[in-house]
Amino acid sequence: MKIQTFFFCTIAVCAACGIFTACAPQAAVAVRPDSSGTISFRSALTPAMEKAMRNILGVESGSFFNAPGIRESMSAAGFTVAALSFPSDTGIDITLESGNLNTAFPEALRFISAEKNAFSITISPETAAAAVALMPPETGDYLALLMAPLFTGEEFSPGEYTDLIAVTYGNTLSRELESAVISLAVSLPGTITKASAKGAAAEVSWSGKNALFRLPLTALLTLRGEITCSAEWK
């Protein structure tokens, strides 16, 4: 079973911020003055996550990805795939081009804003639901394996969620999830004057035209409200 849909859902919900437990998931957004830009994403499942997924899905070996399927999904979402590679069976490295980041996704899923010298990415259960609705039925089955409150609508604290993962998949995966951090690097057309993250504890730093947001993965997966990462430039 090829699982190319897992990537699309990742990029759709949080601009490739790594919804799935992964080795240091990294996303980057570069905004140009005309609001066009690029989104890049790099990630790979940890050994514990890969083992769990292979056992559950009955996939003993081989790549988790289908390159033509990914290109087709990204094209349907309004992107051009500028680069795509697979460093490992569960690793992906992709760069997408958009002529207008404000309209890059279908209307119900538009969570990026880059205009009037202000940039923001807003993630919520509603955008997650909109992303899943765009996917084939089997994608919902895959997401169900995570049991993430972001998708199920249940209310769990990060600690309660990692306890649930420990009972279901084991302590190794639970510990990996608990320590996982998503990083989002943002490059803007001018000098950044301020940057912030609302809705979750996050590390935020900036210098010149570049800002970096680092968020705990559990904060995203147990999200009940919104997380907004924003920056302004001059």
C-alpha atoms as a PDB file:
ATOM      1  CA  MET A   1       0.000   0.000   0.000  1.00  0.00           C
ATOM      2  CA  LYS A   2       1.451   3.373  -1.037  1.00  0.00           C
ATOM      3  CA  ILE A   3       0.803   6.180   1.417  1.00  0.00           C
ATOM      4  CA  GLN A   4       1.409   9.282  -0.677  1.00  0.00           C
ATOM      5  CA  THR A   5      -1.727  10.823   0.830  1.00  0.00           C
ATOM      6  CA  PHE A   6      -0.022  11.141   4.212  1.00  0.00           C
ATOM      7  CA  PHE A   7       2.278  13.761   2.749  1.00  0.00           C
ATOM      8  CA  PHE A   8      -0.500  15.827   1.199  1.00  0.00           C
ATOM      9  CA  CYS A   9      -2.390  15.944   4.460  1.00  0.00           C
ATOM     10  CA  THR A  10       0.766  17.043   6.239  1.00  0.00           C
ATOM     11  CA  ILE A  11       1.395  19.919   3.851  1.00  0.00           C
ATOM     12  CA  ALA A  12      -2.277  20.873   3.733  1.00  0.00           C
ATOM     13  CA  VAL A  13      -2.874  21.065   7.460  1.00  0.00           C
ATOM     14  CA  CYS A  14       0.272  22.874   8.539  1.00  0.00           C
ATOM     15  CA  ALA A  15       2.413  23.762   5.618  1.00  0.00           C
ATOM     16  CA  ALA A  16       4.454  20.608   6.013  1.00  0.00           C
ATOM     17  CA  CYS A  17       4.935  21.051   9.724  1.00  0.00           C
ATOM     18  CA  GLY A  18       5.056  17.386  10.308  1.00  0.00           C
ATOM     19  CA  ILE A  19       1.774  16.092  11.665  1.00  0.00           C
ATOM     20  CA  PHE A  20       3.223  12.620  11.913  1.00  0.00           C
ATOM     21  CA  THR A  21       5.865  11.637  14.429  1.00  0.00           C
ATOM     22  CA  ALA A  22       9.058  12.175  12.484  1.00  0.00           C
ATOM     23  CA  CYS A  23      12.748  12.897  12.701  1.00  0.00           C
ATOM     24  CA  ALA A  24      12.961  16.672  13.191  1.00  0.00           C
ATOM     25  CA  PRO A  25      10.271  17.650  10.661  1.00  0.00           C
ATOM     26  CA  GLN A  26      11.275  20.872   8.976  1.00  0.00           C
ATOM     27  CA  ALA A  27       9.179  23.247   6.920  1.00  0.00           C
ATOM     28  CA  ALA A  28      10.163  26.507   5.268  1.00  0.00           C
ATOM     29  CA  VAL A  29       8.187  29.245   3.551  1.00  0.00           C
ATOM     30  CA  ALA A  30       9.832  31.912   1.398  1.00  0.00           C
ATOM     31  CA  VAL A  31       7.638  34.885   0.480  1.00  0.00           C
ATOM     32  CA  ARG A  32       8.407  37.176  -2.457  1.00  0.00           C
ATOM     33  CA  PRO A  33       7.196  40.816  -2.748  1.00  0.00           C
ATOM     34  CA  ASP A  34       4.343  39.855  -5.106  1.00  0.00           C
ATOM     35  CA  SER A  35       3.048  37.213  -2.598  1.00  0.00           C
ATOM     36  CA  SER A  36       4.340  34.357  -4.700  1.00  0.00           C
ATOM     37  CA  GLY A  37       6.689  31.991  -2.934  1.00  0.00           C
ATOM     38  CA  THR A  38       7.926  28.532  -2.116  1.00  0.00           C
ATOM     39  CA  ILE A  39       7.063  25.967   0.533  1.00  0.00           C
ATOM     40  CA  SER A  40       9.559  23.240   1.313  1.00  0.00           C
ATOM     41  CA  PHE A  41       9.228  20.246   3.571  1.00  0.00           C
ATOM     42  CA  ARG A  42      11.657  17.614   4.812  1.00  0.00           C
ATOM     43  CA  SER A  43      10.892  14.744   7.134  1.00  0.00           C
ATOM     44  CA  ALA A  44      11.173  11.012   7.772  1.00  0.00           C
ATOM     45  CA  LEU A  45       9.457   8.633  10.142  1.00  0.00           C
ATOM     46  CA  THR A  46      11.480   7.574  13.142  1.00  0.00           C
ATOM     47  CA  PRO A  47      12.397   3.847  13.297  1.00  0.00           C
ATOM     48  CA  ALA A  48       9.752   3.266  15.979  1.00  0.00           C
ATOM     49  CA  MET A  49       7.034   4.985  13.947  1.00  0.00           C
ATOM     50  CA  GLU A  50       8.067   3.186  10.768  1.00  0.00           C
ATOM     51  CA  LYS A  51       7.904  -0.181  12.514  1.00  0.00           C
ATOM     52  CA  ALA A  52       4.474   0.577  13.952  1.00  0.00           C
ATOM     53  CA  MET A  53       3.092   1.747  10.623  1.00  0.00           C
ATOM     54  CA  ARG A  54       4.516  -1.219   8.707  1.00  0.00           C
ATOM     55  CA  ASN A  55       3.054  -3.668  11.225  1.00  0.00           C
ATOM     56  CA  ILE A  56      -0.373  -2.074  11.165  1.00  0.00           C
ATOM     57  CA  LEU A  57      -0.524  -1.561   7.406  1.00  0.00           C
ATOM     58  CA  GLY A  58       1.090  -4.866   6.512  1.00  0.00           C
ATOM     59  CA  VAL A  59       3.889  -3.227   4.522  1.00  0.00           C
ATOM     60  CA  GLU A  60       7.084  -5.182   5.134  1.00  0.00           C
ATOM     61  CA  SER A  61       9.437  -3.156   2.948  1.00  0.00           C
ATOM     62  CA  GLY A  62       9.631  -0.548   0.219  1.00  0.00           C
ATOM     63  CA  SER A  63       8.909   3.128  -0.064  1.00  0.00           C
ATOM     64  CA  PHE A  64       5.904   4.716   1.603  1.00  0.00           C
ATOM     65  CA  PHE A  65       5.584   7.193  -1.268  1.00  0.00           C
ATOM     66  CA  ASN A  66       4.328   7.376  -4.823  1.00  0.00           C
ATOM     67  CA  ALA A  67       5.999  10.232  -6.691  1.00  0.00           C
ATOM     68  CA  PRO A  68       3.375  10.555  -9.481  1.00  0.00           C
ATOM     69  CA  GLY A  69       0.612  10.595  -6.874  1.00  0.00           C
ATOM     70  CA  ILE A  70       2.305  13.356  -4.898  1.00  0.00           C
ATOM     71  CA  ARG A  71       2.849  15.470  -8.006  1.00  0.00           C
ATOM     72  CA  GLU A  72      -0.782  15.017  -9.014  1.00  0.00           C
ATOM     73  CA  SER A  73      -2.062  15.981  -5.542  1.00  0.00           C
ATOM     74  CA  MET A  74       0.141  19.060  -5.385  1.00  0.00           C
ATOM     75  CA  SER A  75      -0.884  20.158  -8.875  1.00  0.00           C
ATOM     76  CA  ALA A  76      -4.561  19.825  -7.917  1.00  0.00           C
ATOM     77  CA  ALA A  77      -3.869  22.085  -4.929  1.00  0.00           C
ATOM     78  CA  GLY A  78      -2.387  24.759  -7.186  1.00  0.00           C
ATOM     79  CA  PHE A  79       1.323  24.096  -6.675  1.00  0.00           C
ATOM     80  CA  THR A  80       4.196  23.356  -8.998  1.00  0.00           C
ATOM     81  CA  VAL A  81       6.592  20.707  -7.686  1.00  0.00           C
ATOM     82  CA  ALA A  82      10.025  22.295  -8.120  1.00  0.00           C
ATOM     83  CA  ALA A  83      11.939  19.434  -6.480  1.00  0.00           C
ATOM     84  CA  LEU A  84      11.045  16.042  -5.058  1.00  0.00           C
ATOM     85  CA  SER A  85      13.285  13.341  -3.614  1.00  0.00           C
ATOM     86  CA  PHE A  86      13.109  10.444  -1.166  1.00  0.00           C
ATOM     87  CA  PRO A  87      16.237  10.087   0.990  1.00  0.00           C
ATOM     88  CA  SER A  88      14.844   6.860   2.487  1.00  0.00           C
ATOM     89  CA  ASP A  89      11.735   4.647   2.371  1.00  0.00           C
ATOM     90  CA  THR A  90       9.990   6.991   4.809  1.00  0.00           C
ATOM     91  CA  GLY A  91      11.859  10.189   4.021  1.00  0.00           C
ATOM     92  CA  ILE A  92      10.684  12.972   1.755  1.00  0.00           C
ATOM     93  CA  ASP A  93      12.223  16.258   0.646  1.00  0.00           C
ATOM     94  CA  ILE A  94      10.001  18.477  -1.489  1.00  0.00           C
ATOM     95  CA  THR A  95       9.871  22.075  -2.685  1.00  0.00           C
ATOM     96  CA  LEU A  96       6.664  23.623  -4.006  1.00  0.00           C
ATOM     97  CA  GLU A  97       6.174  26.841  -5.959  1.00  0.00           C
ATOM     98  CA  SER A  98       3.065  29.008  -5.760  1.00  0.00           C
ATOM     99  CA  GLY A  99       2.151  32.053  -7.808  1.00  0.00           C
ATOM    100  CA  ASN A 100       0.147  33.418  -4.857  1.00  0.00           C
ATOM    101  CA  LEU A 101       0.516  31.983  -1.364  1.00  0.00           C
ATOM    102  CA  ASN A 102      -2.741  33.671  -0.295  1.00  0.00           C
ATOM    103  CA  THR A 103      -4.747  31.492  -2.688  1.00  0.00           C
ATOM    104  CA  ALA A 104      -2.495  28.432  -2.779  1.00  0.00           C
ATOM    105  CA  PHE A 105      -5.069  26.102  -1.214  1.00  0.00           C
ATOM    106  CA  PRO A 106      -8.833  25.654  -1.646  1.00  0.00           C
ATOM    107  CA  GLU A 107     -10.770  28.406   0.163  1.00  0.00           C
ATOM    108  CA  ALA A 108     -11.740  26.303   3.201  1.00  0.00           C
ATOM    109  CA  LEU A 109      -8.100  25.415   3.683  1.00  0.00           C
ATOM    110  CA  ARG A 110      -6.427  28.796   3.211  1.00  0.00           C
ATOM    111  CA  PHE A 111      -4.316  29.194   6.307  1.00  0.00           C
ATOM    112  CA  ILE A 112      -1.428  31.221   4.842  1.00  0.00           C
ATOM    113  CA  SER A 113      -1.599  35.002   4.560  1.00  0.00           C
ATOM    114  CA  ALA A 114       1.226  37.043   3.038  1.00  0.00           C
ATOM    115  CA  GLU A 115       0.212  40.588   2.179  1.00  0.00           C
ATOM    116  CA  LYS A 116       0.566  44.203   3.360  1.00  0.00           C
ATOM    117  CA  ASN A 117       3.948  43.460   4.974  1.00  0.00           C
ATOM    118  CA  ALA A 118       2.433  40.836   7.264  1.00  0.00           C
ATOM    119  CA  PHE A 119       2.732  37.062   7.169  1.00  0.00           C
ATOM    120  CA  SER A 120       0.815  34.436   9.130  1.00  0.00           C
ATOM    121  CA  ILE A 121       0.044  30.735   9.230  1.00  0.00           C
ATOM    122  CA  THR A 122      -3.022  29.674  11.231  1.00  0.00           C
ATOM    123  CA  ILE A 123      -3.694  26.040  12.116  1.00  0.00           C
ATOM    124  CA  SER A 124      -6.977  24.839  13.633  1.00  0.00           C
ATOM    125  CA  PRO A 125      -9.130  21.710  13.877  1.00  0.00           C
ATOM    126  CA  GLU A 126     -11.271  23.238  11.118  1.00  0.00           C
ATOM    127  CA  THR A 127      -8.380  23.461   8.655  1.00  0.00           C
ATOM    128  CA  ALA A 128      -7.381  19.927   9.619  1.00  0.00           C
ATOM    129  CA  ALA A 129     -10.919  18.697   8.893  1.00  0.00           C
ATOM    130  CA  ALA A 130     -10.938  20.543   5.572  1.00  0.00           C
ATOM    131  CA  ALA A 131      -7.659  18.881   4.619  1.00  0.00           C
ATOM    132  CA  VAL A 132      -8.953  15.415   5.464  1.00  0.00           C
ATOM    133  CA  ALA A 133     -12.155  16.065   3.487  1.00  0.00           C
ATOM    134  CA  LEU A 134     -10.049  16.572   0.360  1.00  0.00           C
ATOM    135  CA  MET A 135      -8.353  13.203   0.771  1.00  0.00           C
ATOM    136  CA  PRO A 136      -9.403   9.711  -0.358  1.00  0.00           C
ATOM    137  CA  PRO A 137     -11.279   7.611   2.266  1.00  0.00           C
ATOM    138  CA  GLU A 138      -8.205   5.534   3.102  1.00  0.00           C
ATOM    139  CA  THR A 139      -6.447   8.673   4.353  1.00  0.00           C
ATOM    140  CA  GLY A 140      -8.939   8.895   7.195  1.00  0.00           C
ATOM    141  CA  ASP A 141      -8.096   5.325   8.119  1.00  0.00           C
ATOM    142  CA  TYR A 142      -4.414   6.197   8.267  1.00  0.00           C
ATOM    143  CA  LEU A 143      -5.009   9.302  10.386  1.00  0.00           C
ATOM    144  CA  ALA A 144      -7.135   7.232  12.736  1.00  0.00           C
ATOM    145  CA  LEU A 145      -4.006   5.271  13.626  1.00  0.00           C
ATOM    146  CA  LEU A 146      -2.619   8.412  15.263  1.00  0.00           C
ATOM    147  CA  MET A 147      -5.738   8.907  17.392  1.00  0.00           C
ATOM    148  CA  ALA A 148      -4.804  12.595  17.479  1.00  0.00           C
ATOM    149  CA  PRO A 149      -7.425  14.839  19.125  1.00  0.00           C
ATOM    150  CA  LEU A 150      -6.795  17.300  16.275  1.00  0.00           C
ATOM    151  CA  PHE A 151      -8.613  14.838  14.003  1.00  0.00           C
ATOM    152  CA  THR A 152     -10.906  12.956  16.394  1.00  0.00           C
ATOM    153  CA  GLY A 153     -12.378  16.008  18.118  1.00  0.00           C
ATOM    154  CA  GLU A 154     -11.732  14.527  21.555  1.00  0.00           C
ATOM    155  CA  GLU A 155     -10.197  16.654  24.296  1.00  0.00           C
ATOM    156  CA  PHE A 156      -6.867  15.429  25.623  1.00  0.00           C
ATOM    157  CA  SER A 157      -4.009  17.260  27.234  1.00  0.00           C
ATOM    158  CA  PRO A 158      -0.593  16.608  25.656  1.00  0.00           C
ATOM    159  CA  GLY A 159       0.244  14.331  28.611  1.00  0.00           C
ATOM    160  CA  GLU A 160      -2.970  12.343  28.276  1.00  0.00           C
ATOM    161  CA  TYR A 161      -2.372  11.921  24.564  1.00  0.00           C
ATOM    162  CA  THR A 162       1.182  10.625  24.961  1.00  0.00           C
ATOM    163  CA  ASP A 163      -0.076   8.222  27.645  1.00  0.00           C
ATOM    164  CA  LEU A 164      -2.621   6.897  25.134  1.00  0.00           C
ATOM    165  CA  ILE A 165       0.102   6.435  22.513  1.00  0.00           C
ATOM    166  CA  ALA A 166       2.244   4.597  25.089  1.00  0.00           C
ATOM    167  CA  VAL A 167      -0.554   2.144  25.838  1.00  0.00           C
ATOM    168  CA  THR A 168      -1.320   1.593  22.156  1.00  0.00           C
ATOM    169  CA  TYR A 169       2.105   1.667  20.501  1.00  0.00           C
ATOM    170  CA  GLY A 170       4.622   1.466  23.330  1.00  0.00           C
ATOM    171  CA  ASN A 171       6.805   3.761  25.420  1.00  0.00           C
ATOM    172  CA  THR A 172       9.464   4.320  22.747  1.00  0.00           C
ATOM    173  CA  LEU A 173       7.019   5.933  20.348  1.00  0.00           C
ATOM    174  CA  SER A 174       5.380   7.867  23.170  1.00  0.00           C
ATOM    175  CA  ARG A 175       8.721   9.331  24.266  1.00  0.00           C
ATOM    176  CA  GLU A 176       9.589  10.282  20.692  1.00  0.00           C
ATOM    177  CA  LEU A 177       6.256  12.023  20.322  1.00  0.00           C
ATOM    178  CA  GLU A 178       6.671  13.846  23.627  1.00  0.00           C
ATOM    179  CA  SER A 179      10.059  15.276  22.625  1.00  0.00           C
ATOM    180  CA  ALA A 180       9.274  15.991  18.948  1.00  0.00           C
ATOM    181  CA  VAL A 181       9.490  19.601  17.830  1.00  0.00           C
ATOM    182  CA  ILE A 182       8.267  21.056  14.549  1.00  0.00           C
ATOM    183  CA  SER A 183      10.364  23.824  13.031  1.00  0.00           C
ATOM    184  CA  LEU A 184       9.056  26.397  10.577  1.00  0.00           C
ATOM    185  CA  ALA A 185      11.525  28.763   8.919  1.00  0.00           C
ATOM    186  CA  VAL A 186      10.101  31.842   7.239  1.00  0.00           C
ATOM    187  CA  SER A 187      11.903  34.143   4.806  1.00  0.00           C
ATOM    188  CA  LEU A 188      10.202  37.477   4.049  1.00  0.00           C
ATOM    189  CA  PRO A 189      10.816  40.260   1.503  1.00  0.00           C
ATOM    190  CA  GLY A 190      11.979  42.826   4.052  1.00  0.00           C
ATOM    191  CA  THR A 191      13.527  43.216   7.489  1.00  0.00           C
ATOM    192  CA  ILE A 192      11.379  41.562  10.144  1.00  0.00           C
ATOM    193  CA  THR A 193      10.254  43.939  12.896  1.00  0.00           C
ATOM    194  CA  LYS A 194       8.443  41.397  15.077  1.00  0.00           C
ATOM    195  CA  ALA A 195       7.364  37.763  15.138  1.00  0.00           C
ATOM    196  CA  SER A 196       5.177  35.799  17.509  1.00  0.00           C
ATOM    197  CA  ALA A 197       3.233  32.566  18.028  1.00  0.00           C
ATOM    198  CA  LYS A 198      -0.190  32.472  19.681  1.00  0.00           C
ATOM    199  CA  GLY A 199      -2.147  29.465  20.879  1.00  0.00           C
ATOM    200  CA  ALA A 200       0.764  27.286  21.987  1.00  0.00           C
ATOM    201  CA  ALA A 201       4.085  27.556  23.754  1.00  0.00           C
ATOM    202  CA  ALA A 202       6.675  28.080  21.042  1.00  0.00           C
ATOM    203  CA  GLU A 203      10.216  29.302  20.598  1.00  0.00           C
ATOM    204  CA  VAL A 204      10.316  32.285  18.257  1.00  0.00           C
ATOM    205  CA  SER A 205      13.417  34.024  16.963  1.00  0.00           C
ATOM    206  CA  TRP A 206      14.201  36.324  14.063  1.00  0.00           C
ATOM    207  CA  SER A 207      17.062  38.160  12.432  1.00  0.00           C
ATOM    208  CA  GLY A 208      17.036  40.263   9.275  1.00  0.00           C
ATOM    209  CA  LYS A 209      14.561  38.743   6.826  1.00  0.00           C
ATOM    210  CA  ASN A 210      14.352  35.347   8.523  1.00  0.00           C
ATOM    211  CA  ALA A 211      12.212  34.022  11.377  1.00  0.00           C
ATOM    212  CA  LEU A 212      12.155  30.607  13.041  1.00  0.00           C
ATOM    213  CA  PHE A 213       9.215  29.049  14.901  1.00  0.00           C
ATOM    214  CA  ARG A 214       9.657  25.849  16.944  1.00  0.00           C
ATOM    215  CA  LEU A 215       6.512  24.194  18.312  1.00  0.00           C
ATOM    216  CA  PRO A 216       6.023  20.991  20.328  1.00  0.00           C
ATOM    217  CA  LEU A 217       4.335  18.387  18.130  1.00  0.00           C
ATOM    218  CA  THR A 218       1.977  17.384  20.959  1.00  0.00           C
ATOM    219  CA  ALA A 219       0.661  20.956  21.133  1.00  0.00           C
ATOM    220  CA  LEU A 220      -0.428  20.636  17.508  1.00  0.00           C
ATOM    221  CA  LEU A 221      -1.898  17.151  17.771  1.00  0.00           C
ATOM    222  CA  THR A 222      -4.009  18.065  20.825  1.00  0.00           C
ATOM    223  CA  LEU A 223      -5.047  21.468  19.477  1.00  0.00           C
ATOM    224  CA  ARG A 224      -8.598  22.607  20.262  1.00  0.00           C
ATOM    225  CA  GLY A 225      -8.328  26.264  19.274  1.00  0.00           C
ATOM    226  CA  GLU A 226      -5.895  27.895  16.872  1.00  0.00           C
ATOM    227  CA  ILE A 227      -2.144  28.251  16.570  1.00  0.00           C
ATOM    228  CA  THR A 228      -0.996  31.306  14.641  1.00  0.00           C
ATOM    229  CA  CYS A 229       2.609  31.998  13.706  1.00  0.00           C
ATOM    230  CA  SER A 230       3.033  35.523  12.402  1.00  0.00           C
ATOM    231  CA  ALA A 231       5.652  38.084  11.436  1.00  0.00           C
ATOM    232  CA  GLU A 232       5.772  41.630  10.099  1.00  0.00           C
ATOM    233  CA  TRP A 233       8.423  43.231   7.958  1.00  0.00           C
ATOM    234  CA  LYS A 234       9.367  46.670   6.691  1.00  0.00           C
END
